[in-house]
């Protein structure tokens, strides 16, 4: 997830009527950080660089009757450029993308595990930067 000059904001996208952090799959040959950087660019239009790891979330879900284990690696990114846009999202999943004040981010996100990541990002920004 991800971001900003002064790092007061974090990027989110509106996906399936839910606010969530940008994320996606690791492509062949990519590191988790490289995948995060690419996905942020594709899903939000924002370019940046990684500042810190915010941990991983592992969970199970069922798709077409098959149990799937998924691990999501979260990073705090500092934005260096770009403009908010969903036009470059190859999956066209996002309906909208927005900057949200860091203090509001945990309550705006739809999922408890991402709310936890947002609180971790806020803690890192306020104590380490």
C-alpha atoms as a PDB file:
ATOM      1  CA  UNK A   1       0.000   0.000   0.000  1.00  0.00           C
ATOM      2  CA  UNK A   2       1.397   2.948  -0.142  1.00  0.00           C
ATOM      3  CA  UNK A   3       2.871   7.207   0.119  1.00  0.00           C
ATOM      4  CA  UNK A   4       3.760  10.979  -0.224  1.00  0.00           C
ATOM      5  CA  UNK A   5       5.932  13.975  -0.022  1.00  0.00           C
ATOM      6  CA  UNK A   6       5.982  14.556   3.705  1.00  0.00           C
ATOM      7  CA  UNK A   7       4.123  11.238   3.778  1.00  0.00           C
ATOM      8  CA  UNK A   8       0.865  12.597   5.079  1.00  0.00           C
ATOM      9  CA  UNK A   9      -1.321  10.500   2.799  1.00  0.00           C
ATOM     10  CA  UNK A  10      -1.774   6.948   1.690  1.00  0.00           C
ATOM     11  CA  UNK A  11      -3.205   5.786  -1.638  1.00  0.00           C
ATOM     12  CA  UNK A  12      -6.367   3.769  -1.869  1.00  0.00           C
ATOM     13  CA  UNK A  13      -8.542   2.509  -4.644  1.00  0.00           C
ATOM     14  CA  UNK A  14     -12.260   1.852  -4.743  1.00  0.00           C
ATOM     15  CA  UNK A  15     -12.690  -1.761  -5.731  1.00  0.00           C
ATOM     16  CA  UNK A  16     -15.971  -3.710  -5.787  1.00  0.00           C
ATOM     17  CA  UNK A  17     -17.597  -0.928  -3.751  1.00  0.00           C
ATOM     18  CA  UNK A  18     -14.877  -1.301  -1.114  1.00  0.00           C
ATOM     19  CA  UNK A  19     -11.941   0.945  -0.263  1.00  0.00           C
ATOM     20  CA  UNK A  20      -8.726  -1.057  -0.281  1.00  0.00           C
ATOM     21  CA  UNK A  21      -4.989  -0.633  -0.670  1.00  0.00           C
ATOM     22  CA  UNK A  22      -3.404  -1.164  -4.095  1.00  0.00           C
ATOM     23  CA  UNK A  23      -2.143  -4.717  -4.524  1.00  0.00           C
ATOM     24  CA  UNK A  24      -1.576  -7.388  -7.118  1.00  0.00           C
ATOM     25  CA  UNK A  25       0.341 -10.460  -8.197  1.00  0.00           C
ATOM     26  CA  UNK A  26       4.101 -10.861  -8.420  1.00  0.00           C
ATOM     27  CA  UNK A  27       5.144 -11.371 -12.021  1.00  0.00           C
ATOM     28  CA  UNK A  28       7.945 -13.735 -13.065  1.00  0.00           C
ATOM     29  CA  UNK A  29      11.346 -12.451 -11.976  1.00  0.00           C
ATOM     30  CA  UNK A  30       9.993  -9.672  -9.754  1.00  0.00           C
ATOM     31  CA  UNK A  31      10.768  -9.168  -6.084  1.00  0.00           C
ATOM     32  CA  UNK A  32       7.865  -8.353  -3.772  1.00  0.00           C
ATOM     33  CA  UNK A  33       9.017  -4.711  -3.643  1.00  0.00           C
ATOM     34  CA  UNK A  34       9.249  -4.477  -7.441  1.00  0.00           C
ATOM     35  CA  UNK A  35       5.758  -5.935  -7.737  1.00  0.00           C
ATOM     36  CA  UNK A  36       4.428  -3.406  -5.220  1.00  0.00           C
ATOM     37  CA  UNK A  37       6.043  -0.528  -7.100  1.00  0.00           C
ATOM     38  CA  UNK A  38       4.598  -1.714 -10.434  1.00  0.00           C
ATOM     39  CA  UNK A  39       1.125  -2.320  -9.010  1.00  0.00           C
ATOM     40  CA  UNK A  40       1.004   1.116  -7.368  1.00  0.00           C
ATOM     41  CA  UNK A  41       1.860   2.672 -10.724  1.00  0.00           C
ATOM     42  CA  UNK A  42      -0.701   0.612 -12.621  1.00  0.00           C
ATOM     43  CA  UNK A  43      -3.531   0.959 -10.139  1.00  0.00           C
ATOM     44  CA  UNK A  44      -3.037   4.538  -8.952  1.00  0.00           C
ATOM     45  CA  UNK A  45      -0.830   6.347 -11.498  1.00  0.00           C
ATOM     46  CA  UNK A  46       1.622   7.281  -8.720  1.00  0.00           C
ATOM     47  CA  UNK A  47       5.364   6.612  -8.884  1.00  0.00           C
ATOM     48  CA  UNK A  48       7.489   6.220  -5.785  1.00  0.00           C
ATOM     49  CA  UNK A  49      10.113   4.349  -3.846  1.00  0.00           C
ATOM     50  CA  UNK A  50       9.881   1.954  -0.872  1.00  0.00           C
ATOM     51  CA  UNK A  51      10.472   3.403   2.590  1.00  0.00           C
ATOM     52  CA  UNK A  52       9.673   0.454   4.853  1.00  0.00           C
ATOM     53  CA  UNK A  53       8.118  -2.981   5.011  1.00  0.00           C
ATOM     54  CA  UNK A  54       4.801  -2.986   6.887  1.00  0.00           C
ATOM     55  CA  UNK A  55       4.656  -6.749   7.247  1.00  0.00           C
ATOM     56  CA  UNK A  56       2.693  -9.520   5.606  1.00  0.00           C
ATOM     57  CA  UNK A  57      -0.868 -10.766   5.811  1.00  0.00           C
ATOM     58  CA  UNK A  58      -1.542 -14.442   5.139  1.00  0.00           C
ATOM     59  CA  UNK A  59      -5.018 -15.875   4.698  1.00  0.00           C
ATOM     60  CA  UNK A  60      -7.067 -18.626   3.065  1.00  0.00           C
ATOM     61  CA  UNK A  61      -9.965 -18.198   0.679  1.00  0.00           C
ATOM     62  CA  UNK A  62     -12.025 -20.429  -1.602  1.00  0.00           C
ATOM     63  CA  UNK A  63     -12.288 -19.922  -5.358  1.00  0.00           C
ATOM     64  CA  UNK A  64     -14.391 -22.279  -7.491  1.00  0.00           C
ATOM     65  CA  UNK A  65     -14.333 -24.860  -4.712  1.00  0.00           C
ATOM     66  CA  UNK A  66     -10.545 -24.746  -4.289  1.00  0.00           C
ATOM     67  CA  UNK A  67      -8.912 -23.580  -1.056  1.00  0.00           C
ATOM     68  CA  UNK A  68      -6.159 -21.052  -1.792  1.00  0.00           C
ATOM     69  CA  UNK A  69      -3.516 -19.722   0.577  1.00  0.00           C
ATOM     70  CA  UNK A  70      -2.424 -16.157  -0.130  1.00  0.00           C
ATOM     71  CA  UNK A  71       0.328 -14.015   1.366  1.00  0.00           C
ATOM     72  CA  UNK A  72       0.297 -10.249   0.814  1.00  0.00           C
ATOM     73  CA  UNK A  73       3.467  -8.217   1.459  1.00  0.00           C
ATOM     74  CA  UNK A  74       2.793  -4.597   2.423  1.00  0.00           C
ATOM     75  CA  UNK A  75       5.197  -1.671   1.987  1.00  0.00           C
ATOM     76  CA  UNK A  76       5.175   2.012   2.756  1.00  0.00           C
ATOM     77  CA  UNK A  77       6.131   3.995  -0.354  1.00  0.00           C
ATOM     78  CA  UNK A  78       7.063   7.641  -0.737  1.00  0.00           C
ATOM     79  CA  UNK A  79       5.467   9.242  -3.783  1.00  0.00           C
ATOM     80  CA  UNK A  80       7.809  10.937  -6.222  1.00  0.00           C
ATOM     81  CA  UNK A  81       5.452  11.770  -9.073  1.00  0.00           C
ATOM     82  CA  UNK A  82       2.580  10.780 -11.277  1.00  0.00           C
ATOM     83  CA  UNK A  83      -1.071  11.738 -11.161  1.00  0.00           C
ATOM     84  CA  UNK A  84      -3.963   9.776  -9.704  1.00  0.00           C
ATOM     85  CA  UNK A  85      -5.444   7.638 -12.460  1.00  0.00           C
ATOM     86  CA  UNK A  86      -6.984   4.204 -12.930  1.00  0.00           C
ATOM     87  CA  UNK A  87      -6.456   4.330 -16.712  1.00  0.00           C
ATOM     88  CA  UNK A  88      -3.324   2.142 -16.648  1.00  0.00           C
ATOM     89  CA  UNK A  89      -4.824  -0.675 -14.589  1.00  0.00           C
ATOM     90  CA  UNK A  90      -4.633  -3.708 -16.924  1.00  0.00           C
ATOM     91  CA  UNK A  91      -7.354  -5.505 -14.958  1.00  0.00           C
ATOM     92  CA  UNK A  92      -9.698  -2.486 -14.915  1.00  0.00           C
ATOM     93  CA  UNK A  93     -10.835  -3.453 -11.419  1.00  0.00           C
ATOM     94  CA  UNK A  94     -10.717  -0.030  -9.796  1.00  0.00           C
ATOM     95  CA  UNK A  95     -13.630   2.381 -10.036  1.00  0.00           C
ATOM     96  CA  UNK A  96     -11.815   5.296  -8.413  1.00  0.00           C
ATOM     97  CA  UNK A  97      -8.585   6.182  -6.647  1.00  0.00           C
ATOM     98  CA  UNK A  98      -8.026   8.862  -4.008  1.00  0.00           C
ATOM     99  CA  UNK A  99      -5.592  10.417  -1.560  1.00  0.00           C
ATOM    100  CA  UNK A 100      -6.870  10.097   1.998  1.00  0.00           C
ATOM    101  CA  UNK A 101      -5.504  11.879   5.084  1.00  0.00           C
ATOM    102  CA  UNK A 102      -3.366   9.456   7.049  1.00  0.00           C
ATOM    103  CA  UNK A 103      -5.463   9.905  10.205  1.00  0.00           C
ATOM    104  CA  UNK A 104      -8.616   8.868   8.303  1.00  0.00           C
ATOM    105  CA  UNK A 105      -7.124   5.922   6.463  1.00  0.00           C
ATOM    106  CA  UNK A 106      -7.812   3.129   9.002  1.00  0.00           C
ATOM    107  CA  UNK A 107     -11.498   4.040   9.231  1.00  0.00           C
ATOM    108  CA  UNK A 108     -11.903   4.420   5.442  1.00  0.00           C
ATOM    109  CA  UNK A 109     -10.485   0.991   4.564  1.00  0.00           C
ATOM    110  CA  UNK A 110     -13.041  -1.812   4.303  1.00  0.00           C
ATOM    111  CA  UNK A 111     -11.023  -4.709   5.705  1.00  0.00           C
ATOM    112  CA  UNK A 112      -9.688  -5.171   9.245  1.00  0.00           C
ATOM    113  CA  UNK A 113      -6.328  -6.558   8.095  1.00  0.00           C
ATOM    114  CA  UNK A 114      -5.736  -3.491   5.881  1.00  0.00           C
ATOM    115  CA  UNK A 115      -6.877  -1.194   8.711  1.00  0.00           C
ATOM    116  CA  UNK A 116      -4.095  -2.772  10.789  1.00  0.00           C
ATOM    117  CA  UNK A 117      -1.557  -2.114   8.001  1.00  0.00           C
ATOM    118  CA  UNK A 118      -2.734   1.510   7.814  1.00  0.00           C
ATOM    119  CA  UNK A 119      -2.221   1.937  11.558  1.00  0.00           C
ATOM    120  CA  UNK A 120       1.271   0.419  11.204  1.00  0.00           C
ATOM    121  CA  UNK A 121       2.043   2.906   8.410  1.00  0.00           C
ATOM    122  CA  UNK A 122       0.832   5.810  10.542  1.00  0.00           C
ATOM    123  CA  UNK A 123       2.938   4.631  13.482  1.00  0.00           C
ATOM    124  CA  UNK A 124       6.043   4.294  11.298  1.00  0.00           C
ATOM    125  CA  UNK A 125       5.562   7.739   9.747  1.00  0.00           C
ATOM    126  CA  UNK A 126       4.991   9.472  13.082  1.00  0.00           C
ATOM    127  CA  UNK A 127       7.829   7.745  14.932  1.00  0.00           C
ATOM    128  CA  UNK A 128      10.508   6.990  12.311  1.00  0.00           C
ATOM    129  CA  UNK A 129      10.329   9.821   9.775  1.00  0.00           C
END
